Amino acid sequence: MDKNEQAEVSIEEKQLLLDEINSNDIGIELVHIVFAYCFLLLCVISIAPKIYIASNIYYLSKDINDLQSRKEALKAENAALQQKLESVKFNFLTLEIEEIK
């Protein structure tokens, strides 16, 4: 046998090899894309409530802190008003006692 005879490949064999390569094409199939989107959607659906609840907890705690600071300010203002009231009562009673004498 001659080296040229061994190396020759017919056109049909070449076509069969090309068809086999094309049929074994490794690509992303539609099923895999749909599966990936379904997985992504499932992740978003499972994580969204946690994000929503955490956000609500944050804003509620901000409101609670604001209300607590207002409460403390009102307590301080109430104490100051109580002192003024006691002072006015004392002055009124001393004036009343002086008028009686």
PDB file of N, CA and C in Angstrom:
ATOM      1  N   MET A   1       0.826  -1.181   0.000  1.00  0.00           N
ATOM      2  CA  MET A   1       0.000   0.000   0.000  1.00  0.00           C
ATOM      3  C   MET A   1       0.865   1.236   0.000  1.00  0.00           C
ATOM      4  N   ASP A   2       0.380   2.152  -0.696  1.00  0.00           N
ATOM      5  CA  ASP A   2       1.062   3.432  -0.808  1.00  0.00           C
ATOM      6  C   ASP A   2       0.572   4.358   0.297  1.00  0.00           C
ATOM      7  N   LYS A   3       1.429   5.278   0.729  1.00  0.00           N
ATOM      8  CA  LYS A   3       1.052   6.206   1.780  1.00  0.00           C
ATOM      9  C   LYS A   3      -0.115   7.082   1.344  1.00  0.00           C
ATOM     10  N   ASN A   4      -0.202   7.410   0.108  1.00  0.00           N
ATOM     11  CA  ASN A   4      -1.298   8.248  -0.396  1.00  0.00           C
ATOM     12  C   ASN A   4      -2.627   7.516  -0.316  1.00  0.00           C
ATOM     13  N   GLU A   5      -2.623   6.254  -0.512  1.00  0.00           N
ATOM     14  CA  GLU A   5      -3.859   5.480  -0.456  1.00  0.00           C
ATOM     15  C   GLU A   5      -4.376   5.387   0.975  1.00  0.00           C
ATOM     16  N   GLN A   6      -3.502   5.288   1.941  1.00  0.00           N
ATOM     17  CA  GLN A   6      -3.934   5.200   3.338  1.00  0.00           C
ATOM     18  C   GLN A   6      -4.471   6.540   3.831  1.00  0.00           C
ATOM     19  N   ALA A   7      -3.971   7.635   3.370  1.00  0.00           N
ATOM     20  CA  ALA A   7      -4.334   8.944   3.859  1.00  0.00           C
ATOM     21  C   ALA A   7      -5.588   9.476   3.194  1.00  0.00           C
ATOM     22  N   GLU A   8      -6.024   8.902   2.161  1.00  0.00           N
ATOM     23  CA  GLU A   8      -7.198   9.413   1.459  1.00  0.00           C
ATOM     24  C   GLU A   8      -8.466   9.053   2.215  1.00  0.00           C
ATOM     25  N   VAL A   9      -9.309  10.086   2.380  1.00  0.00           N
ATOM     26  CA  VAL A   9     -10.597   9.894   3.044  1.00  0.00           C
ATOM     27  C   VAL A   9     -11.653  10.335   2.045  1.00  0.00           C
ATOM     28  N   SER A  10     -12.659   9.531   1.927  1.00  0.00           N
ATOM     29  CA  SER A  10     -13.685   9.866   0.943  1.00  0.00           C
ATOM     30  C   SER A  10     -14.553  11.030   1.438  1.00  0.00           C
ATOM     31  N   ILE A  11     -15.238  11.633   0.539  1.00  0.00           N
ATOM     32  CA  ILE A  11     -16.114  12.768   0.847  1.00  0.00           C
ATOM     33  C   ILE A  11     -17.257  12.318   1.749  1.00  0.00           C
ATOM     34  N   GLU A  12     -17.750  11.113   1.543  1.00  0.00           N
ATOM     35  CA  GLU A  12     -18.829  10.599   2.384  1.00  0.00           C
ATOM     36  C   GLU A  12     -18.373  10.449   3.833  1.00  0.00           C
ATOM     37  N   GLU A  13     -17.138   9.978   4.016  1.00  0.00           N
ATOM     38  CA  GLU A  13     -16.615   9.826   5.370  1.00  0.00           C
ATOM     39  C   GLU A  13     -16.435  11.189   6.044  1.00  0.00           C
ATOM     40  N   LYS A  14     -15.964  12.148   5.259  1.00  0.00           N
ATOM     41  CA  LYS A  14     -15.827  13.498   5.803  1.00  0.00           C
ATOM     42  C   LYS A  14     -17.186  14.058   6.217  1.00  0.00           C
ATOM     43  N   GLN A  15     -18.183  13.835   5.386  1.00  0.00           N
ATOM     44  CA  GLN A  15     -19.530  14.328   5.680  1.00  0.00           C
ATOM     45  C   GLN A  15     -20.095  13.647   6.924  1.00  0.00           C
ATOM     46  N   LEU A  16     -19.859  12.342   7.062  1.00  0.00           N
ATOM     47  CA  LEU A  16     -20.304  11.617   8.251  1.00  0.00           C
ATOM     48  C   LEU A  16     -19.640  12.166   9.515  1.00  0.00           C
ATOM     49  N   LEU A  17     -18.351  12.466   9.436  1.00  0.00           N
ATOM     50  CA  LEU A  17     -17.650  13.050  10.589  1.00  0.00           C
ATOM     51  C   LEU A  17     -18.222  14.415  10.957  1.00  0.00           C
ATOM     52  N   LEU A  18     -18.488  15.235   9.948  1.00  0.00           N
ATOM     53  CA  LEU A  18     -19.078  16.556  10.209  1.00  0.00           C
ATOM     54  C   LEU A  18     -20.469  16.437  10.812  1.00  0.00           C
ATOM     55  N   ASP A  19     -21.259  15.510  10.297  1.00  0.00           N
ATOM     56  CA  ASP A  19     -22.607  15.305  10.848  1.00  0.00           C
ATOM     57  C   ASP A  19     -22.541  14.835  12.302  1.00  0.00           C
ATOM     58  N   GLU A  20     -21.576  13.963  12.591  1.00  0.00           N
ATOM     59  CA  GLU A  20     -21.422  13.470  13.958  1.00  0.00           C
ATOM     60  C   GLU A  20     -20.995  14.596  14.895  1.00  0.00           C
ATOM     61  N   ILE A  21     -20.113  15.459  14.439  1.00  0.00           N
ATOM     62  CA  ILE A  21     -19.676  16.594  15.261  1.00  0.00           C
ATOM     63  C   ILE A  21     -20.836  17.552  15.504  1.00  0.00           C
ATOM     64  N   ASN A  22     -21.607  17.814  14.462  1.00  0.00           N
ATOM     65  CA  ASN A  22     -22.747  18.726  14.608  1.00  0.00           C
ATOM     66  C   ASN A  22     -23.833  18.140  15.502  1.00  0.00           C
ATOM     67  N   SER A  23     -24.024  16.838  15.438  1.00  0.00           N
ATOM     68  CA  SER A  23     -25.054  16.224  16.269  1.00  0.00           C
ATOM     69  C   SER A  23     -24.618  16.171  17.733  1.00  0.00           C
ATOM     70  N   ASN A  24     -23.330  16.152  18.006  1.00  0.00           N
ATOM     71  CA  ASN A  24     -22.811  16.145  19.379  1.00  0.00           C
ATOM     72  C   ASN A  24     -22.454  17.560  19.846  1.00  0.00           C
ATOM     73  N   ASP A  25     -23.019  18.547  19.198  1.00  0.00           N
ATOM     74  CA  ASP A  25     -22.730  19.938  19.538  1.00  0.00           C
ATOM     75  C   ASP A  25     -23.118  20.189  20.994  1.00  0.00           C
ATOM     76  N   ILE A  26     -22.159  20.655  21.762  1.00  0.00           N
ATOM     77  CA  ILE A  26     -22.400  20.907  23.181  1.00  0.00           C
ATOM     78  C   ILE A  26     -22.770  22.373  23.322  1.00  0.00           C
ATOM     79  N   GLY A  27     -24.036  22.624  23.523  1.00  0.00           N
ATOM     80  CA  GLY A  27     -24.532  23.985  23.693  1.00  0.00           C
ATOM     81  C   GLY A  27     -25.570  24.011  24.793  1.00  0.00           C
ATOM     82  N   ILE A  28     -26.062  25.175  25.057  1.00  0.00           N
ATOM     83  CA  ILE A  28     -27.092  25.320  26.082  1.00  0.00           C
ATOM     84  C   ILE A  28     -28.433  25.035  25.442  1.00  0.00           C
ATOM     85  N   GLU A  29     -29.111  24.093  26.026  1.00  0.00           N
ATOM     86  CA  GLU A  29     -30.421  23.742  25.490  1.00  0.00           C
ATOM     87  C   GLU A  29     -31.489  24.591  26.150  1.00  0.00           C
ATOM     88  N   LEU A  30     -32.632  24.671  25.523  1.00  0.00           N
ATOM     89  CA  LEU A  30     -33.743  25.466  26.027  1.00  0.00           C
ATOM     90  C   LEU A  30     -34.205  24.961  27.393  1.00  0.00           C
ATOM     91  N   VAL A  31     -34.141  23.664  27.599  1.00  0.00           N
ATOM     92  CA  VAL A  31     -34.551  23.084  28.889  1.00  0.00           C
ATOM     93  C   VAL A  31     -33.666  23.617  30.016  1.00  0.00           C
ATOM     94  N   HIS A  32     -32.375  23.728  29.754  1.00  0.00           N
ATOM     95  CA  HIS A  32     -31.466  24.235  30.774  1.00  0.00           C
ATOM     96  C   HIS A  32     -31.738  25.705  31.070  1.00  0.00           C
ATOM     97  N   ILE A  33     -32.041  26.473  30.049  1.00  0.00           N
ATOM     98  CA  ILE A  33     -32.354  27.897  30.250  1.00  0.00           C
ATOM     99  C   ILE A  33     -33.635  28.044  31.059  1.00  0.00           C
ATOM    100  N   VAL A  34     -34.639  27.273  30.719  1.00  0.00           N
ATOM    101  CA  VAL A  34     -35.900  27.325  31.468  1.00  0.00           C
ATOM    102  C   VAL A  34     -35.670  26.901  32.913  1.00  0.00           C
ATOM    103  N   PHE A  35     -34.879  25.866  33.119  1.00  0.00           N
ATOM    104  CA  PHE A  35     -34.577  25.418  34.481  1.00  0.00           C
ATOM    105  C   PHE A  35     -33.856  26.512  35.266  1.00  0.00           C
ATOM    106  N   ALA A  36     -32.912  27.190  34.629  1.00  0.00           N
ATOM    107  CA  ALA A  36     -32.162  28.259  35.306  1.00  0.00           C
ATOM    108  C   ALA A  36     -33.097  29.410  35.686  1.00  0.00           C
ATOM    109  N   TYR A  37     -33.990  29.795  34.780  1.00  0.00           N
ATOM    110  CA  TYR A  37     -34.936  30.871  35.088  1.00  0.00           C
ATOM    111  C   TYR A  37     -35.900  30.456  36.201  1.00  0.00           C
ATOM    112  N   CYS A  38     -36.331  29.222  36.185  1.00  0.00           N
ATOM    113  CA  CYS A  38     -37.214  28.733  37.260  1.00  0.00           C
ATOM    114  C   CYS A  38     -36.485  28.744  38.597  1.00  0.00           C
ATOM    115  N   PHE A  39     -35.227  28.335  38.608  1.00  0.00           N
ATOM    116  CA  PHE A  39     -34.433  28.360  39.831  1.00  0.00           C
ATOM    117  C   PHE A  39     -34.244  29.780  40.331  1.00  0.00           C
ATOM    118  N   LEU A  40     -33.961  30.703  39.431  1.00  0.00           N
ATOM    119  CA  LEU A  40     -33.801  32.114  39.787  1.00  0.00           C
ATOM    120  C   LEU A  40     -35.103  32.677  40.350  1.00  0.00           C
ATOM    121  N   LEU A  41     -36.204  32.362  39.727  1.00  0.00           N
ATOM    122  CA  LEU A  41     -37.511  32.824  40.200  1.00  0.00           C
ATOM    123  C   LEU A  41     -37.814  32.248  41.579  1.00  0.00           C
ATOM    124  N   LEU A  42     -37.496  30.997  41.795  1.00  0.00           N
ATOM    125  CA  LEU A  42     -37.711  30.375  43.101  1.00  0.00           C
ATOM    126  C   LEU A  42     -36.868  31.058  44.178  1.00  0.00           C
ATOM    127  N   CYS A  43     -35.637  31.391  43.844  1.00  0.00           N
ATOM    128  CA  CYS A  43     -34.773  32.101  44.800  1.00  0.00           C
ATOM    129  C   CYS A  43     -35.345  33.470  45.141  1.00  0.00           C
ATOM    130  N   VAL A  44     -35.793  34.191  44.139  1.00  0.00           N
ATOM    131  CA  VAL A  44     -36.359  35.522  44.379  1.00  0.00           C
ATOM    132  C   VAL A  44     -37.623  35.425  45.225  1.00  0.00           C
ATOM    133  N   ILE A  45     -38.463  34.448  44.928  1.00  0.00           N
ATOM    134  CA  ILE A  45     -39.705  34.281  45.687  1.00  0.00           C
ATOM    135  C   ILE A  45     -39.406  33.907  47.134  1.00  0.00           C
ATOM    136  N   SER A  46     -38.377  33.131  47.365  1.00  0.00           N
ATOM    137  CA  SER A  46     -38.071  32.715  48.733  1.00  0.00           C
ATOM    138  C   SER A  46     -37.340  33.806  49.520  1.00  0.00           C
ATOM    139  N   ILE A  47     -36.610  34.691  48.853  1.00  0.00           N
ATOM    140  CA  ILE A  47     -35.848  35.733  49.535  1.00  0.00           C
ATOM    141  C   ILE A  47     -36.654  37.019  49.696  1.00  0.00           C
ATOM    142  N   ALA A  48     -37.595  37.289  48.822  1.00  0.00           N
ATOM    143  CA  ALA A  48     -38.355  38.546  48.864  1.00  0.00           C
ATOM    144  C   ALA A  48     -39.074  38.767  50.196  1.00  0.00           C
ATOM    145  N   PRO A  49     -39.745  37.777  50.779  1.00  0.00           N
ATOM    146  CA  PRO A  49     -40.402  38.033  52.071  1.00  0.00           C
ATOM    147  C   PRO A  49     -39.415  38.414  53.177  1.00  0.00           C
ATOM    148  N   LYS A  50     -38.244  37.797  53.185  1.00  0.00           N
ATOM    149  CA  LYS A  50     -37.247  38.126  54.207  1.00  0.00           C
ATOM    150  C   LYS A  50     -36.810  39.581  54.060  1.00  0.00           C
ATOM    151  N   ILE A  51     -36.578  40.024  52.841  1.00  0.00           N
ATOM    152  CA  ILE A  51     -36.170  41.407  52.604  1.00  0.00           C
ATOM    153  C   ILE A  51     -37.287  42.356  53.020  1.00  0.00           C
ATOM    154  N   TYR A  52     -38.526  42.019  52.689  1.00  0.00           N
ATOM    155  CA  TYR A  52     -39.677  42.858  53.038  1.00  0.00           C
ATOM    156  C   TYR A  52     -39.824  42.963  54.551  1.00  0.00           C
ATOM    157  N   ILE A  53     -39.721  41.840  55.249  1.00  0.00           N
ATOM    158  CA  ILE A  53     -39.883  41.836  56.703  1.00  0.00           C
ATOM    159  C   ILE A  53     -38.731  42.598  57.367  1.00  0.00           C
ATOM    160  N   ALA A  54     -37.509  42.386  56.903  1.00  0.00           N
ATOM    161  CA  ALA A  54     -36.363  43.099  57.474  1.00  0.00           C
ATOM    162  C   ALA A  54     -36.503  44.604  57.278  1.00  0.00           C
ATOM    163  N   SER A  55     -36.989  45.011  56.125  1.00  0.00           N
ATOM    164  CA  SER A  55     -37.194  46.429  55.851  1.00  0.00           C
ATOM    165  C   SER A  55     -38.258  47.006  56.775  1.00  0.00           C
ATOM    166  N   ASN A  56     -39.351  46.283  56.953  1.00  0.00           N
ATOM    167  CA  ASN A  56     -40.409  46.757  57.849  1.00  0.00           C
ATOM    168  C   ASN A  56     -39.921  46.835  59.291  1.00  0.00           C
ATOM    169  N   ILE A  57     -39.152  45.863  59.719  1.00  0.00           N
ATOM    170  CA  ILE A  57     -38.605  45.892  61.083  1.00  0.00           C
ATOM    171  C   ILE A  57     -37.710  47.113  61.262  1.00  0.00           C
ATOM    172  N   TYR A  58     -36.898  47.415  60.265  1.00  0.00           N
ATOM    173  CA  TYR A  58     -36.012  48.579  60.342  1.00  0.00           C
ATOM    174  C   TYR A  58     -36.815  49.861  60.490  1.00  0.00           C
ATOM    175  N   TYR A  59     -37.825  50.054  59.637  1.00  0.00           N
ATOM    176  CA  TYR A  59     -38.594  51.298  59.699  1.00  0.00           C
ATOM    177  C   TYR A  59     -39.429  51.374  60.972  1.00  0.00           C
ATOM    178  N   LEU A  60     -39.948  50.252  61.456  1.00  0.00           N
ATOM    179  CA  LEU A  60     -40.692  50.267  62.717  1.00  0.00           C
ATOM    180  C   LEU A  60     -39.774  50.603  63.890  1.00  0.00           C
ATOM    181  N   SER A  61     -38.563  50.069  63.895  1.00  0.00           N
ATOM    182  CA  SER A  61     -37.638  50.382  64.983  1.00  0.00           C
ATOM    183  C   SER A  61     -37.236  51.855  64.943  1.00  0.00           C
ATOM    184  N   LYS A  62     -37.111  52.429  63.740  1.00  0.00           N
ATOM    185  CA  LYS A  62     -36.844  53.863  63.631  1.00  0.00           C
ATOM    186  C   LYS A  62     -37.990  54.662  64.233  1.00  0.00           C
ATOM    187  N   ASP A  63     -39.226  54.273  63.927  1.00  0.00           N
ATOM    188  CA  ASP A  63     -40.392  54.964  64.479  1.00  0.00           C
ATOM    189  C   ASP A  63     -40.443  54.818  65.999  1.00  0.00           C
ATOM    190  N   ILE A  64     -40.142  53.632  66.499  1.00  0.00           N
ATOM    191  CA  ILE A  64     -40.162  53.400  67.943  1.00  0.00           C
ATOM    192  C   ILE A  64     -39.108  54.264  68.632  1.00  0.00           C
ATOM    193  N   ASN A  65     -37.914  54.341  68.066  1.00  0.00           N
ATOM    194  CA  ASN A  65     -36.867  55.183  68.654  1.00  0.00           C
ATOM    195  C   ASN A  65     -37.276  56.650  68.649  1.00  0.00           C
ATOM    196  N   ASP A  66     -37.903  57.098  67.575  1.00  0.00           N
ATOM    197  CA  ASP A  66     -38.369  58.479  67.501  1.00  0.00           C
ATOM    198  C   ASP A  66     -39.432  58.740  68.570  1.00  0.00           C
ATOM    199  N   LEU A  67     -40.368  57.818  68.728  1.00  0.00           N
ATOM    200  CA  LEU A  67     -41.417  57.979  69.740  1.00  0.00           C
ATOM    201  C   LEU A  67     -40.842  57.936  71.152  1.00  0.00           C
ATOM    202  N   GLN A  68     -39.841  57.089  71.377  1.00  0.00           N
ATOM    203  CA  GLN A  68     -39.222  57.042  72.703  1.00  0.00           C
ATOM    204  C   GLN A  68     -38.505  58.350  73.034  1.00  0.00           C
ATOM    205  N   SER A  69     -37.825  58.922  72.046  1.00  0.00           N
ATOM    206  CA  SER A  69     -37.136  60.194  72.297  1.00  0.00           C
ATOM    207  C   SER A  69     -38.155  61.307  72.559  1.00  0.00           C
ATOM    208  N   ARG A  70     -39.279  61.295  71.840  1.00  0.00           N
ATOM    209  CA  ARG A  70     -40.339  62.275  72.102  1.00  0.00           C
ATOM    210  C   ARG A  70     -40.914  62.081  73.505  1.00  0.00           C
ATOM    211  N   LYS A  71     -41.078  60.824  73.918  1.00  0.00           N
ATOM    212  CA  LYS A  71     -41.604  60.523  75.249  1.00  0.00           C
ATOM    213  C   LYS A  71     -40.676  61.078  76.328  1.00  0.00           C
ATOM    214  N   GLU A  72     -39.366  60.859  76.153  1.00  0.00           N
ATOM    215  CA  GLU A  72     -38.403  61.380  77.124  1.00  0.00           C
ATOM    216  C   GLU A  72     -38.429  62.909  77.165  1.00  0.00           C
ATOM    217  N   ALA A  73     -38.544  63.541  76.001  1.00  0.00           N
ATOM    218  CA  ALA A  73     -38.617  65.007  75.961  1.00  0.00           C
ATOM    219  C   ALA A  73     -39.882  65.498  76.658  1.00  0.00           C
ATOM    220  N   LEU A  74     -40.999  64.811  76.432  1.00  0.00           N
ATOM    221  CA  LEU A  74     -42.248  65.203  77.087  1.00  0.00           C
ATOM    222  C   LEU A  74     -42.183  64.982  78.596  1.00  0.00           C
ATOM    223  N   LYS A  75     -41.508  63.918  79.024  1.00  0.00           N
ATOM    224  CA  LYS A  75     -41.334  63.693  80.464  1.00  0.00           C
ATOM    225  C   LYS A  75     -40.532  64.824  81.087  1.00  0.00           C
ATOM    226  N   ALA A  76     -39.453  65.235  80.419  1.00  0.00           N
ATOM    227  CA  ALA A  76     -38.630  66.332  80.927  1.00  0.00           C
ATOM    228  C   ALA A  76     -39.438  67.629  80.962  1.00  0.00           C
ATOM    229  N   GLU A  77     -40.212  67.873  79.912  1.00  0.00           N
ATOM    230  CA  GLU A  77     -41.052  69.073  79.870  1.00  0.00           C
ATOM    231  C   GLU A  77     -42.117  69.020  80.960  1.00  0.00           C
ATOM    232  N   ASN A  78     -42.686  67.842  81.201  1.00  0.00           N
ATOM    233  CA  ASN A  78     -43.686  67.679  82.255  1.00  0.00           C
ATOM    234  C   ASN A  78     -43.077  67.976  83.624  1.00  0.00           C
ATOM    235  N   ALA A  79     -41.860  67.493  83.856  1.00  0.00           N
ATOM    236  CA  ALA A  79     -41.193  67.749  85.131  1.00  0.00           C
ATOM    237  C   ALA A  79     -40.955  69.242  85.317  1.00  0.00           C
ATOM    238  N   ALA A  80     -40.532  69.924  84.257  1.00  0.00           N
ATOM    239  CA  ALA A  80     -40.308  71.372  84.347  1.00  0.00           C
ATOM    240  C   ALA A  80     -41.627  72.093  84.619  1.00  0.00           C
ATOM    241  N   LEU A  81     -42.692  71.677  83.960  1.00  0.00           N
ATOM    242  CA  LEU A  81     -44.001  72.298  84.188  1.00  0.00           C
ATOM    243  C   LEU A  81     -44.502  72.022  85.606  1.00  0.00           C
ATOM    244  N   GLN A  82     -44.234  70.839  86.123  1.00  0.00           N
ATOM    245  CA  GLN A  82     -44.627  70.526  87.499  1.00  0.00           C
ATOM    246  C   GLN A  82     -43.897  71.440  88.483  1.00  0.00           C
ATOM    247  N   GLN A  83     -42.614  71.691  88.233  1.00  0.00           N
ATOM    248  CA  GLN A  83     -41.853  72.589  89.103  1.00  0.00           C
ATOM    249  C   GLN A  83     -42.411  74.009  89.037  1.00  0.00           C
ATOM    250  N   LYS A  84     -42.753  74.460  87.812  1.00  0.00           N
ATOM    251  CA  LYS A  84     -43.338  75.794  87.677  1.00  0.00           C
ATOM    252  C   LYS A  84     -44.680  75.862  88.395  1.00  0.00           C
ATOM    253  N   LEU A  85     -45.480  74.808  88.281  1.00  0.00           N
ATOM    254  CA  LEU A  85     -46.777  74.765  88.945  1.00  0.00           C
ATOM    255  C   LEU A  85     -46.612  74.820  90.462  1.00  0.00           C
ATOM    256  N   GLU A  86     -45.655  74.063  90.977  1.00  0.00           N
ATOM    257  CA  GLU A  86     -45.405  74.100  92.414  1.00  0.00           C
ATOM    258  C   GLU A  86     -44.960  75.485  92.849  1.00  0.00           C
ATOM    259  N   SER A  87     -44.130  76.125  92.024  1.00  0.00           N
ATOM    260  CA  SER A  87     -43.678  77.483  92.336  1.00  0.00           C
ATOM    261  C   SER A  87     -44.840  78.452  92.350  1.00  0.00           C
ATOM    262  N   VAL A  88     -45.727  78.348  91.357  1.00  0.00           N
ATOM    263  CA  VAL A  88     -46.893  79.228  91.296  1.00  0.00           C
ATOM    264  C   VAL A  88     -47.809  78.962  92.487  1.00  0.00           C
ATOM    265  N   LYS A  89     -48.028  77.697  92.834  1.00  0.00           N
ATOM    266  CA  LYS A  89     -48.857  77.357  93.997  1.00  0.00           C
ATOM    267  C   LYS A  89     -48.257  77.939  95.274  1.00  0.00           C
ATOM    268  N   PHE A  90     -46.925  77.789  95.410  1.00  0.00           N
ATOM    269  CA  PHE A  90     -46.262  78.317  96.593  1.00  0.00           C
ATOM    270  C   PHE A  90     -46.427  79.827  96.676  1.00  0.00           C
ATOM    271  N   ASN A  91     -46.206  80.514  95.528  1.00  0.00           N
ATOM    272  CA  ASN A  91     -46.374  81.969  95.511  1.00  0.00           C
ATOM    273  C   ASN A  91     -47.805  82.358  95.817  1.00  0.00           C
ATOM    274  N   PHE A  92     -48.764  81.629  95.281  1.00  0.00           N
ATOM    275  CA  PHE A  92     -50.167  81.924  95.536  1.00  0.00           C
ATOM    276  C   PHE A  92     -50.494  81.740  97.012  1.00  0.00           C
ATOM    277  N   LEU A  93     -50.007  80.646  97.609  1.00  0.00           N
ATOM    278  CA  LEU A  93     -50.275  80.392  99.025  1.00  0.00           C
ATOM    279  C   LEU A  93     -49.606  81.433  99.907  1.00  0.00           C
ATOM    280  N   THR A  94     -48.400  81.841  99.569  1.00  0.00           N
ATOM    281  CA  THR A  94     -47.714  82.868 100.385  1.00  0.00           C
ATOM    282  C   THR A  94     -48.442  84.199 100.266  1.00  0.00           C
ATOM    283  N   LEU A  95     -48.941  84.525  99.068  1.00  0.00           N
ATOM    284  CA  LEU A  95     -49.703  85.770  98.909  1.00  0.00           C
ATOM    285  C   LEU A  95     -51.008  85.692  99.692  1.00  0.00           C
ATOM    286  N   GLU A  96     -51.651  84.545  99.709  1.00  0.00           N
ATOM    287  CA  GLU A  96     -52.899  84.349 100.416  1.00  0.00           C
ATOM    288  C   GLU A  96     -52.680  84.470 101.931  1.00  0.00           C
ATOM    289  N   ILE A  97     -51.586  83.898 102.408  1.00  0.00           N
ATOM    290  CA  ILE A  97     -51.278  83.976 103.849  1.00  0.00           C
ATOM    291  C   ILE A  97     -50.996  85.421 104.241  1.00  0.00           C
ATOM    292  N   GLU A  98     -50.299  86.148 103.380  1.00  0.00           N
ATOM    293  CA  GLU A  98     -49.985  87.556 103.663  1.00  0.00           C
ATOM    294  C   GLU A  98     -51.252  88.400 103.687  1.00  0.00           C
ATOM    295  N   GLU A  99     -52.218  88.064 102.835  1.00  0.00           N
ATOM    296  CA  GLU A  99     -53.466  88.822 102.800  1.00  0.00           C
ATOM    297  C   GLU A  99     -54.277  88.544 104.048  1.00  0.00           C
ATOM    298  N   ILE A 100     -54.205  87.339 104.574  1.00  0.00           N
ATOM    299  CA  ILE A 100     -54.959  86.979 105.772  1.00  0.00           C
ATOM    300  C   ILE A 100     -54.391  87.724 106.971  1.00  0.00           C
ATOM    301  N   LYS A 101     -53.153  87.921 107.055  1.00  0.00           N
ATOM    302  CA  LYS A 101     -52.522  88.588 108.209  1.00  0.00           C
ATOM    303  C   LYS A 101     -52.915  89.989 108.225  1.00  0.00           C
TER     304      LYS A 101
END
